[in-house]
Amino acid sequence: MPSEHSVTSDPLVAILGFAAVIILLLFLITRWKWHVFLALLIPLVLFGFIPGIQWGAFISAFETGFGKTLGKIGVVIVLGSIIAEALKHTGAITVITRTMVRLVGGRNMPLALTLTGFVLGIAIFSDVAFIILNPLVHSAAAAMGVSIGVMSIGLVGALQLTHAIVPPTPGPLAAAALVDADIGKVILFGGIACLMGSLASWVWGQFIAGPRISTGPSEEFSDIDIAGPEAATESDLPGTMMAFLPILAPLVLITMRSVSQITLEIGNPLRTTLDYLGWPVVSLAIGVALAYVNIQNREQKTAATAVWVEDALRVSAMILVITGLGGSLSAILKGTPAVDTVAGFFVESGLPTILLPFTIGVIGNMITGSTTVGVITAASLVAPLLSQIGLSPEAAMLSGGCGSVIIKYVNSSYFWICTSLTRLSPGAAVFAYGGATFVGGIVSFLVVCAMWMAGWI
């Protein structure tokens, strides 16, 4: 790379500078409790003052990385958040839950809730989904005569897994954009990995951790209908197909687009059509339209065009700016010799390269408490290295996503939401919920490794 386009040509400056950025980032979050936006921005700006940094190249990389990343996924993240708002307010979540109960039977409620979490985590933030389902968790535990741990652990793990790994949830969607992964492949193979991980979380809760927790359900939810989290009549709710379509239609269209690009020649009319319909902006817009079909009354109709959108924008804003800064970090890293140095060191170590994003995801999540930060940080740091370490974008993104789930404990807001709502002690919750995310994340990662070794990703 010509020197005028390099942020720095000194490998030592690059390595020490980025080490300082990461250390300062983690210190600002853990010690001073800064918001992750400022905690990421300030170290990046300070990096520019290191001797040997060429300011022109640094500014160009920062702006290009930020804008290019948001150009890929900015609108898509907002659309996904609008779908989540619509699912929450139209009763679709209730229908999805009831469907899962009917699928496996009322006697298998822990498994039904786990499968519900697997589906809802794709579209809705895990903490929001758990808050909505919490009354059902208590009422089902009371009806079956089991502890709250048995009923909730699989759900906690499954919600977190798809939230971390499967687009169009904002975190994995942003990570896929950072490494330039095929979103269709990520959805397909990430879904397979998450399903296996979710079932592992259910096993952990049903047979291992749950029976060892004595905390019972709360009596205040004893009158909640076990068939659904709300006492809603069928006339108030969308049909089963319409409840699932806002989630499934975008996933199917995006996946079909990826399949067509592999199996059909350029210029084929079907491939051309799927290229457009499976473009995430279009497919998620279709998902929004389908979600809005479920609107039941004038109040929902009024909220849908204003309140839901504003709420979705508030949810999206943090993800967007963090993702943009992640793109800046990645672009700056590409402009330094650190890429070759780190890649060479890791390859020479003889370790499987798929461990690198997984490890970064684990560290990012365990220190910051945020799955989203973990998966985005892993993608940002690994993106420039992919060609040197021989790792596909899809494998890198899924590996980092699996790592970002391990392990949810006391510095995680999701951990405290689940713990407070189920009224477990912190110690029991670390064992139950931390264990569920650990087991689920490890199993998902092993499935990703198997697919990578088989050449699928």
Protein backbone atom coordinates (compact mmCIF):
# COMPACT_ATOMS: atom_id res chain seq x y z
CA MET A 1 0.00 0.00 0.00
CA PRO A 2 1.46 3.45 -0.89
CA SER A 3 2.67 5.30 2.17
CA GLU A 4 0.35 8.27 1.55
CA HIS A 5 -2.62 5.95 1.97
CA SER A 6 -1.29 4.29 5.14
CA VAL A 7 -2.45 5.36 8.57
CA THR A 8 1.02 4.34 9.73
CA SER A 9 3.82 2.24 8.24
CA ASP A 10 5.35 1.35 11.62
CA PRO A 11 4.20 -2.10 12.84
CA LEU A 12 5.18 -1.37 16.45
CA VAL A 13 3.19 1.87 16.52
CA ALA A 14 0.19 0.09 15.01
CA ILE A 15 0.22 -2.85 17.43
CA LEU A 16 0.81 -0.77 20.57
CA GLY A 17 -1.71 1.84 19.44
CA PHE A 18 -4.50 -0.65 18.93
CA ALA A 19 -3.65 -2.44 22.17
CA ALA A 20 -4.01 0.91 23.93
CA VAL A 21 -7.35 1.55 22.20
CA ILE A 22 -8.77 -1.77 23.38
CA ILE A 23 -7.44 -1.40 26.93
CA LEU A 24 -8.79 2.14 27.23
CA LEU A 25 -12.14 1.08 25.76
CA LEU A 26 -12.54 -1.68 28.31
CA PHE A 27 -11.37 0.55 31.17
CA LEU A 28 -13.85 3.32 30.31
CA ILE A 29 -16.73 0.84 30.22
CA THR A 30 -15.89 -1.25 33.26
CA ARG A 31 -14.27 1.31 35.59
CA TRP A 32 -15.98 4.58 34.75
CA LYS A 33 -19.22 3.10 33.34
CA TRP A 34 -19.10 5.22 30.18
CA HIS A 35 -21.61 4.60 27.44
CA VAL A 36 -20.06 2.36 24.81
CA PHE A 37 -20.39 5.09 22.12
CA LEU A 38 -18.08 7.51 23.97
CA ALA A 39 -15.93 4.67 25.23
CA LEU A 40 -15.23 3.64 21.62
CA LEU A 41 -15.05 7.12 20.07
CA ILE A 42 -12.57 8.71 22.51
CA PRO A 43 -9.85 6.01 22.18
CA LEU A 44 -10.19 6.13 18.40
CA VAL A 45 -9.71 9.91 18.36
CA LEU A 46 -6.75 9.66 20.73
CA PHE A 47 -5.19 7.05 18.44
CA GLY A 48 -4.74 9.82 15.89
CA PHE A 49 -2.36 11.67 18.25
CA ILE A 50 0.12 8.79 18.44
CA PRO A 51 3.47 9.80 16.86
CA GLY A 52 3.80 8.42 13.35
CA ILE A 53 0.08 8.52 12.51
CA GLN A 54 -0.71 10.26 9.22
CA TRP A 55 -3.75 12.38 9.93
CA GLY A 56 -5.00 12.59 6.36
CA ALA A 57 -5.12 8.81 5.93
CA PHE A 58 -6.52 8.40 9.44
CA ILE A 59 -9.42 10.80 8.83
CA SER A 60 -10.15 9.25 5.43
CA ALA A 61 -10.25 5.72 6.92
CA PHE A 62 -12.46 6.84 9.81
CA GLU A 63 -15.03 8.54 7.59
CA THR A 64 -15.00 5.88 4.89
CA GLY A 65 -15.38 3.03 7.38
CA PHE A 66 -18.22 4.74 9.24
CA GLY A 67 -20.19 5.72 6.14
CA LYS A 68 -19.67 2.49 4.21
CA THR A 69 -20.85 0.37 7.13
CA LEU A 70 -23.98 2.40 7.82
CA GLY A 71 -24.75 2.53 4.11
CA LYS A 72 -25.04 -1.24 4.12
CA ILE A 73 -27.23 -1.78 7.13
CA GLY A 74 -28.58 1.52 8.50
CA VAL A 75 -32.05 1.34 6.95
CA VAL A 76 -32.26 -2.41 7.49
CA ILE A 77 -31.66 -2.12 11.24
CA VAL A 78 -34.43 0.45 11.57
CA LEU A 79 -36.84 -1.72 9.55
CA GLY A 80 -36.06 -4.72 11.73
CA SER A 81 -36.77 -2.66 14.85
CA ILE A 82 -40.14 -1.56 13.42
CA ILE A 83 -41.08 -5.21 12.82
CA ALA A 84 -40.22 -5.94 16.45
CA GLU A 85 -42.48 -3.11 17.64
CA ALA A 86 -45.34 -4.38 15.47
CA LEU A 87 -44.97 -7.96 16.73
CA LYS A 88 -45.04 -6.67 20.28
CA HIS A 89 -48.17 -4.55 19.93
CA THR A 90 -50.37 -6.61 17.60
CA GLY A 91 -50.42 -9.81 19.64
CA ALA A 92 -48.24 -11.77 17.22
CA ILE A 93 -45.97 -12.82 20.09
CA THR A 94 -48.93 -14.39 21.86
CA VAL A 95 -49.87 -16.35 18.74
CA ILE A 96 -46.29 -17.56 18.22
CA THR A 97 -46.11 -18.72 21.84
CA ARG A 98 -49.43 -20.55 21.63
CA THR A 99 -48.31 -22.22 18.42
CA MET A 100 -45.16 -23.54 20.06
CA VAL A 101 -47.19 -24.84 23.00
CA ARG A 102 -49.51 -26.71 20.64
CA LEU A 103 -46.49 -28.02 18.70
CA VAL A 104 -44.83 -29.78 21.64
CA GLY A 105 -47.79 -30.05 24.02
CA GLY A 106 -48.68 -28.27 27.25
CA ARG A 107 -46.79 -30.86 29.28
CA ASN A 108 -43.57 -29.76 27.56
CA MET A 109 -43.86 -26.05 28.34
CA PRO A 110 -40.12 -25.54 29.02
CA LEU A 111 -39.37 -26.83 25.51
CA ALA A 112 -42.24 -24.79 24.04
CA LEU A 113 -40.85 -21.62 25.63
CA THR A 114 -37.35 -22.47 24.40
CA LEU A 115 -38.60 -22.81 20.83
CA THR A 116 -40.57 -19.58 21.24
CA GLY A 117 -37.37 -17.86 22.34
CA PHE A 118 -35.54 -19.29 19.34
CA VAL A 119 -38.09 -17.68 16.99
CA LEU A 120 -38.63 -14.38 18.82
CA GLY A 121 -34.92 -13.74 19.37
CA ILE A 122 -34.51 -13.39 15.61
CA ALA A 123 -36.77 -10.35 15.51
CA ILE A 124 -36.99 -8.89 19.02
CA PHE A 125 -34.41 -7.83 21.57
CA SER A 126 -34.02 -10.62 24.09
CA ASP A 127 -34.77 -8.49 27.16
CA VAL A 128 -38.01 -7.15 25.62
CA ALA A 129 -39.16 -10.64 24.65
CA PHE A 130 -38.44 -12.01 28.13
CA ILE A 131 -40.37 -9.19 29.79
CA ILE A 132 -43.38 -9.98 27.59
CA LEU A 133 -43.20 -13.73 28.27
CA ASN A 134 -42.39 -13.52 31.98
CA PRO A 135 -46.03 -13.85 33.20
CA LEU A 136 -46.41 -17.01 31.15
CA VAL A 137 -43.18 -18.40 32.62
CA HIS A 138 -44.58 -18.06 36.15
CA SER A 139 -48.07 -19.34 35.36
CA ALA A 140 -46.73 -22.36 33.46
CA ALA A 141 -44.34 -23.21 36.28
CA ALA A 142 -47.22 -23.08 38.77
CA ALA A 143 -49.49 -25.19 36.55
CA MET A 144 -46.82 -27.87 36.08
CA GLY A 145 -45.56 -27.77 39.66
CA VAL A 146 -41.93 -27.10 38.72
CA SER A 147 -39.41 -24.48 39.78
CA ILE A 148 -39.08 -21.21 37.93
CA GLY A 149 -35.62 -22.36 36.87
CA VAL A 150 -36.92 -25.39 34.98
CA MET A 151 -39.42 -23.19 33.14
CA SER A 152 -37.21 -20.20 32.31
CA ILE A 153 -33.64 -21.36 31.66
CA GLY A 154 -34.12 -22.70 28.13
CA LEU A 155 -36.01 -19.54 27.17
CA VAL A 156 -33.25 -17.29 28.53
CA GLY A 157 -30.60 -19.17 26.55
CA ALA A 158 -32.56 -19.39 23.29
CA LEU A 159 -33.52 -15.71 23.27
CA GLN A 160 -29.90 -14.69 23.72
CA LEU A 161 -28.55 -17.05 21.06
CA THR A 162 -30.65 -15.91 18.12
CA HIS A 163 -30.36 -12.33 19.36
CA ALA A 164 -26.58 -12.65 19.02
CA ILE A 165 -26.23 -14.77 15.91
CA VAL A 166 -29.16 -14.61 13.46
CA PRO A 167 -30.03 -11.49 11.41
CA PRO A 168 -32.09 -9.36 11.14
CA THR A 169 -31.51 -8.75 14.85
CA PRO A 170 -29.36 -5.57 14.77
CA GLY A 171 -26.17 -6.99 16.35
CA PRO A 172 -25.55 -9.91 13.99
CA LEU A 173 -26.83 -7.87 11.05
CA ALA A 174 -24.25 -5.20 11.78
CA ALA A 175 -21.50 -7.79 12.27
CA ALA A 176 -22.37 -9.43 8.95
CA ALA A 177 -22.04 -6.06 7.23
CA LEU A 178 -18.68 -5.37 8.88
CA VAL A 179 -17.13 -8.59 7.56
CA ASP A 180 -19.12 -8.43 4.29
CA ALA A 181 -20.79 -11.79 4.95
CA ASP A 182 -23.62 -13.19 2.85
CA ILE A 183 -26.65 -12.51 5.07
CA GLY A 184 -28.62 -15.38 3.57
CA LYS A 185 -25.92 -17.88 4.50
CA VAL A 186 -25.62 -16.38 7.96
CA ILE A 187 -29.37 -16.76 8.50
CA LEU A 188 -29.44 -20.35 7.24
CA PHE A 189 -26.36 -21.74 8.97
CA GLY A 190 -26.66 -19.48 12.00
CA GLY A 191 -30.22 -20.70 12.46
CA ILE A 192 -29.03 -24.31 12.44
CA ALA A 193 -26.32 -23.57 15.00
CA CYS A 194 -28.72 -21.61 17.22
CA LEU A 195 -31.35 -24.34 17.15
CA MET A 196 -28.81 -26.85 18.44
CA GLY A 197 -27.58 -24.36 21.03
CA SER A 198 -31.13 -23.56 22.13
CA LEU A 199 -31.90 -27.23 22.65
CA ALA A 200 -28.69 -27.52 24.69
CA SER A 201 -29.87 -24.61 26.87
CA TRP A 202 -33.20 -26.41 27.35
CA VAL A 203 -31.39 -29.60 28.42
CA TRP A 204 -29.33 -27.54 30.88
CA GLY A 205 -32.48 -26.05 32.39
CA GLN A 206 -34.75 -29.10 32.25
CA PHE A 207 -32.39 -31.75 33.59
CA ILE A 208 -29.32 -30.15 35.17
CA ALA A 209 -29.68 -26.63 36.60
CA GLY A 210 -33.46 -26.27 36.89
CA PRO A 211 -34.10 -29.17 39.32
CA ARG A 212 -31.38 -27.77 41.61
CA ILE A 213 -33.16 -24.42 41.97
CA SER A 214 -35.88 -24.25 44.59
CA THR A 215 -37.33 -20.83 43.73
CA GLY A 216 -41.01 -21.18 42.89
CA PRO A 217 -43.25 -19.10 40.61
CA SER A 218 -44.87 -15.88 41.75
CA GLU A 219 -48.53 -16.11 42.76
CA GLU A 220 -49.37 -12.78 41.11
CA PHE A 221 -49.34 -14.47 37.70
CA SER A 222 -51.36 -17.52 38.73
CA ASP A 223 -54.41 -16.45 36.74
CA ILE A 224 -52.55 -16.07 33.43
CA ASP A 225 -53.79 -18.44 30.72
CA ILE A 226 -51.15 -21.13 30.10
CA ALA A 227 -52.06 -21.00 26.40
CA GLY A 228 -50.57 -17.55 26.04
CA PRO A 229 -48.97 -14.65 27.93
CA GLU A 230 -52.09 -12.52 27.69
CA ALA A 231 -55.73 -13.29 28.30
CA ALA A 232 -56.57 -12.32 24.74
CA THR A 233 -59.37 -13.84 22.74
CA GLU A 234 -58.76 -15.27 19.31
CA SER A 235 -60.66 -12.37 17.70
CA ASP A 236 -58.12 -9.93 19.14
CA LEU A 237 -55.14 -11.76 17.64
CA PRO A 238 -53.72 -12.31 14.15
CA GLY A 239 -53.87 -15.74 12.55
CA THR A 240 -50.98 -18.14 12.98
CA MET A 241 -49.59 -17.64 9.48
CA MET A 242 -49.82 -13.86 9.70
CA ALA A 243 -48.11 -13.88 13.09
CA PHE A 244 -45.08 -15.72 11.70
CA LEU A 245 -44.90 -14.09 8.24
CA PRO A 246 -43.28 -10.79 9.31
CA ILE A 247 -40.35 -12.84 10.61
CA LEU A 248 -40.26 -15.70 8.12
CA ALA A 249 -40.88 -13.82 4.87
CA PRO A 250 -37.73 -11.64 5.08
CA LEU A 251 -35.63 -14.63 6.20
CA VAL A 252 -36.87 -16.77 3.29
CA LEU A 253 -36.40 -14.00 0.70
CA ILE A 254 -32.86 -13.20 1.87
CA THR A 255 -31.91 -16.89 1.93
CA MET A 256 -33.44 -17.51 -1.52
CA ARG A 257 -31.40 -14.61 -2.88
CA SER A 258 -28.19 -16.21 -1.60
CA VAL A 259 -29.15 -19.62 -3.00
CA SER A 260 -30.00 -18.11 -6.41
CA GLN A 261 -26.62 -16.39 -6.58
CA ILE A 262 -24.97 -19.80 -6.18
CA THR A 263 -27.25 -21.90 -8.41
CA LEU A 264 -28.45 -19.54 -11.17
CA GLU A 265 -26.48 -17.72 -13.85
CA ILE A 266 -26.21 -13.95 -13.99
CA GLY A 267 -29.04 -12.61 -16.15
CA ASN A 268 -31.47 -15.36 -15.23
CA PRO A 269 -34.86 -13.62 -14.71
CA LEU A 270 -35.54 -15.50 -11.46
CA ARG A 271 -32.13 -14.58 -10.06
CA THR A 272 -32.64 -10.94 -11.06
CA THR A 273 -36.01 -10.89 -9.29
CA LEU A 274 -34.66 -12.55 -6.15
CA ASP A 275 -31.66 -10.21 -6.14
CA TYR A 276 -34.09 -7.36 -5.58
CA LEU A 277 -36.70 -9.03 -3.39
CA GLY A 278 -33.98 -10.60 -1.24
CA TRP A 279 -32.09 -7.32 -0.84
CA PRO A 280 -32.44 -6.79 2.94
CA VAL A 281 -33.94 -3.32 2.52
CA VAL A 282 -36.76 -4.70 0.36
CA SER A 283 -37.27 -7.96 2.26
CA LEU A 284 -37.45 -6.18 5.64
CA ALA A 285 -39.81 -3.57 4.16
CA ILE A 286 -42.05 -6.46 3.09
CA GLY A 287 -41.80 -7.76 6.65
CA VAL A 288 -42.97 -4.39 7.98
CA ALA A 289 -45.92 -4.40 5.58
CA LEU A 290 -46.90 -7.91 6.67
CA ALA A 291 -46.59 -6.95 10.34
CA TYR A 292 -48.85 -3.96 9.78
CA VAL A 293 -51.50 -6.21 8.23
CA ASN A 294 -52.00 -7.54 11.76
CA ILE A 295 -53.17 -4.17 13.08
CA GLN A 296 -56.51 -4.73 14.79
CA ASN A 297 -57.90 -1.30 15.67
CA ARG A 298 -57.69 2.45 15.10
CA GLU A 299 -55.44 2.97 18.12
CA GLN A 300 -52.84 0.56 16.75
CA LYS A 301 -53.15 2.10 13.29
CA THR A 302 -52.39 5.56 14.66
CA ALA A 303 -49.45 4.32 16.75
CA ALA A 304 -48.02 2.32 13.84
CA THR A 305 -47.26 5.38 11.71
CA ALA A 306 -45.70 7.45 14.47
CA VAL A 307 -45.09 5.94 17.91
CA TRP A 308 -43.85 2.54 16.73
CA VAL A 309 -41.45 4.14 14.28
CA GLU A 310 -40.12 6.59 16.87
CA ASP A 311 -39.61 3.78 19.38
CA ALA A 312 -37.83 1.74 16.73
CA LEU A 313 -35.54 4.66 15.90
CA ARG A 314 -34.64 5.08 19.57
CA VAL A 315 -33.75 1.40 19.81
CA SER A 316 -31.77 1.53 16.56
CA ALA A 317 -29.77 4.68 17.29
CA MET A 318 -27.27 3.08 19.68
CA ILE A 319 -26.72 0.09 17.39
CA LEU A 320 -26.16 2.35 14.39
CA VAL A 321 -23.53 4.59 15.95
CA ILE A 322 -21.65 1.69 17.54
CA THR A 323 -21.69 -0.18 14.24
CA GLY A 324 -20.44 2.89 12.41
CA LEU A 325 -17.56 3.30 14.83
CA GLY A 326 -16.83 -0.40 14.46
CA GLY A 327 -16.54 0.20 10.72
CA SER A 328 -14.16 3.08 11.39
CA LEU A 329 -12.02 0.91 13.66
CA SER A 330 -11.86 -1.80 11.02
CA ALA A 331 -10.95 0.64 8.24
CA ILE A 332 -8.20 2.26 10.33
CA LEU A 333 -6.79 -1.16 11.20
CA LYS A 334 -6.65 -2.02 7.49
CA GLY A 335 -4.45 1.01 6.94
CA THR A 336 -1.73 -0.24 9.28
CA PRO A 337 0.80 -3.11 9.29
CA ALA A 338 -0.99 -4.50 12.34
CA VAL A 339 -3.15 -6.61 10.03
CA ASP A 340 -0.22 -8.59 8.65
CA THR A 341 1.49 -8.81 12.03
CA VAL A 342 -1.54 -10.16 13.92
CA ALA A 343 -2.55 -12.49 11.09
CA GLY A 344 0.96 -13.89 10.80
CA PHE A 345 1.23 -14.44 14.54
CA PHE A 346 -2.10 -16.27 14.70
CA VAL A 347 -1.39 -18.46 11.66
CA GLU A 348 2.07 -19.39 12.94
CA SER A 349 0.62 -20.37 16.31
CA GLY A 350 -1.07 -23.35 14.67
CA LEU A 351 -4.43 -22.68 16.34
CA PRO A 352 -7.62 -23.00 14.25
CA THR A 353 -8.27 -19.53 12.89
CA ILE A 354 -11.98 -19.77 13.71
CA LEU A 355 -11.02 -19.42 17.38
CA LEU A 356 -9.91 -15.80 16.86
CA PRO A 357 -13.34 -14.15 16.39
CA PHE A 358 -14.84 -16.49 18.98
CA THR A 359 -12.27 -15.43 21.57
CA ILE A 360 -12.73 -11.73 20.82
CA GLY A 361 -16.49 -12.13 21.11
CA VAL A 362 -16.12 -13.86 24.50
CA ILE A 363 -13.83 -11.13 25.83
CA GLY A 364 -15.99 -8.30 24.48
CA ASN A 365 -19.16 -9.68 26.02
CA MET A 366 -17.72 -10.74 29.37
CA ILE A 367 -16.10 -7.36 29.98
CA THR A 368 -18.82 -5.05 28.64
CA GLY A 369 -21.85 -7.24 29.41
CA SER A 370 -23.26 -6.57 25.95
CA THR A 371 -23.82 -9.26 23.35
CA THR A 372 -24.19 -6.60 20.67
CA VAL A 373 -20.89 -4.97 21.59
CA GLY A 374 -19.21 -8.39 21.68
CA VAL A 375 -20.29 -9.49 18.20
CA ILE A 376 -19.63 -6.07 16.64
CA THR A 377 -16.18 -5.82 18.26
CA ALA A 378 -15.25 -9.29 17.03
CA ALA A 379 -16.35 -8.43 13.50
CA SER A 380 -14.56 -5.05 13.53
CA LEU A 381 -11.22 -6.49 14.61
CA VAL A 382 -11.31 -9.63 12.47
CA ALA A 383 -12.63 -8.11 9.21
CA PRO A 384 -9.24 -6.82 8.01
CA LEU A 385 -7.57 -10.17 8.75
CA LEU A 386 -9.86 -12.54 6.88
CA SER A 387 -7.90 -12.88 3.66
CA GLN A 388 -4.64 -13.48 5.54
CA ILE A 389 -5.97 -16.09 7.97
CA GLY A 390 -8.08 -17.94 5.41
CA LEU A 391 -11.41 -17.54 7.19
CA SER A 392 -14.67 -16.89 5.35
CA PRO A 393 -16.76 -13.85 6.37
CA GLU A 394 -19.67 -16.12 7.33
CA ALA A 395 -17.54 -18.35 9.55
CA ALA A 396 -15.95 -15.31 11.19
CA MET A 397 -19.28 -13.62 11.90
CA LEU A 398 -20.95 -16.75 13.29
CA SER A 399 -17.92 -17.59 15.42
CA GLY A 400 -17.86 -14.10 16.92
CA GLY A 401 -21.60 -14.28 17.53
CA CYS A 402 -21.27 -17.55 19.43
CA GLY A 403 -18.50 -16.06 21.55
CA SER A 404 -20.54 -12.95 22.35
CA VAL A 405 -23.11 -15.08 24.19
CA ILE A 406 -20.57 -16.49 26.67
CA ILE A 407 -21.25 -15.80 29.45
CA LYS A 408 -24.14 -13.70 30.82
CA TYR A 409 -23.54 -12.70 34.43
CA VAL A 410 -23.73 -9.71 36.80
CA ASN A 411 -22.48 -7.01 34.39
CA SER A 412 -25.21 -7.79 31.85
CA SER A 413 -28.52 -5.90 31.85
CA TYR A 414 -30.20 -8.97 30.32
CA PHE A 415 -28.96 -11.06 33.24
CA TRP A 416 -30.50 -8.67 35.77
CA ILE A 417 -33.80 -8.41 33.88
CA CYS A 418 -34.19 -12.20 33.85
CA THR A 419 -32.98 -12.52 37.45
CA SER A 420 -35.28 -9.84 38.87
CA LEU A 421 -38.36 -10.99 36.97
CA THR A 422 -37.93 -14.64 37.97
CA ARG A 423 -36.79 -13.66 41.49
CA LEU A 424 -33.78 -15.92 41.55
CA SER A 425 -30.87 -15.06 43.81
CA PRO A 426 -27.81 -13.73 41.95
CA GLY A 427 -25.86 -16.87 42.75
CA ALA A 428 -28.58 -19.16 41.44
CA ALA A 429 -28.99 -16.97 38.36
CA VAL A 430 -25.28 -17.15 37.50
CA PHE A 431 -25.51 -20.93 37.68
CA ALA A 432 -28.82 -21.12 35.80
CA TYR A 433 -28.72 -18.33 33.23
CA GLY A 434 -24.96 -17.95 32.94
CA GLY A 435 -24.78 -21.71 32.51
CA ALA A 436 -27.51 -21.67 29.83
CA THR A 437 -25.73 -19.08 27.73
CA PHE A 438 -22.38 -20.82 28.25
CA VAL A 439 -23.68 -24.24 27.22
CA GLY A 440 -25.76 -22.82 24.37
CA GLY A 441 -22.88 -20.71 23.08
CA ILE A 442 -20.39 -23.59 23.19
CA VAL A 443 -22.74 -26.00 21.40
CA SER A 444 -23.58 -23.39 18.76
CA PHE A 445 -19.87 -22.73 18.25
CA LEU A 446 -19.11 -26.43 17.85
CA VAL A 447 -21.84 -26.66 15.19
CA VAL A 448 -20.33 -23.63 13.43
CA CYS A 449 -16.90 -25.29 13.57
CA ALA A 450 -18.34 -28.47 12.06
CA MET A 451 -19.95 -26.53 9.20
CA TRP A 452 -16.69 -24.63 8.63
CA MET A 453 -14.64 -27.81 8.52
CA ALA A 454 -17.17 -29.33 6.11
CA GLY A 455 -16.73 -26.34 3.80
CA TRP A 456 -20.34 -25.13 4.12
CA ILE A 457 -19.28 -21.70 5.34
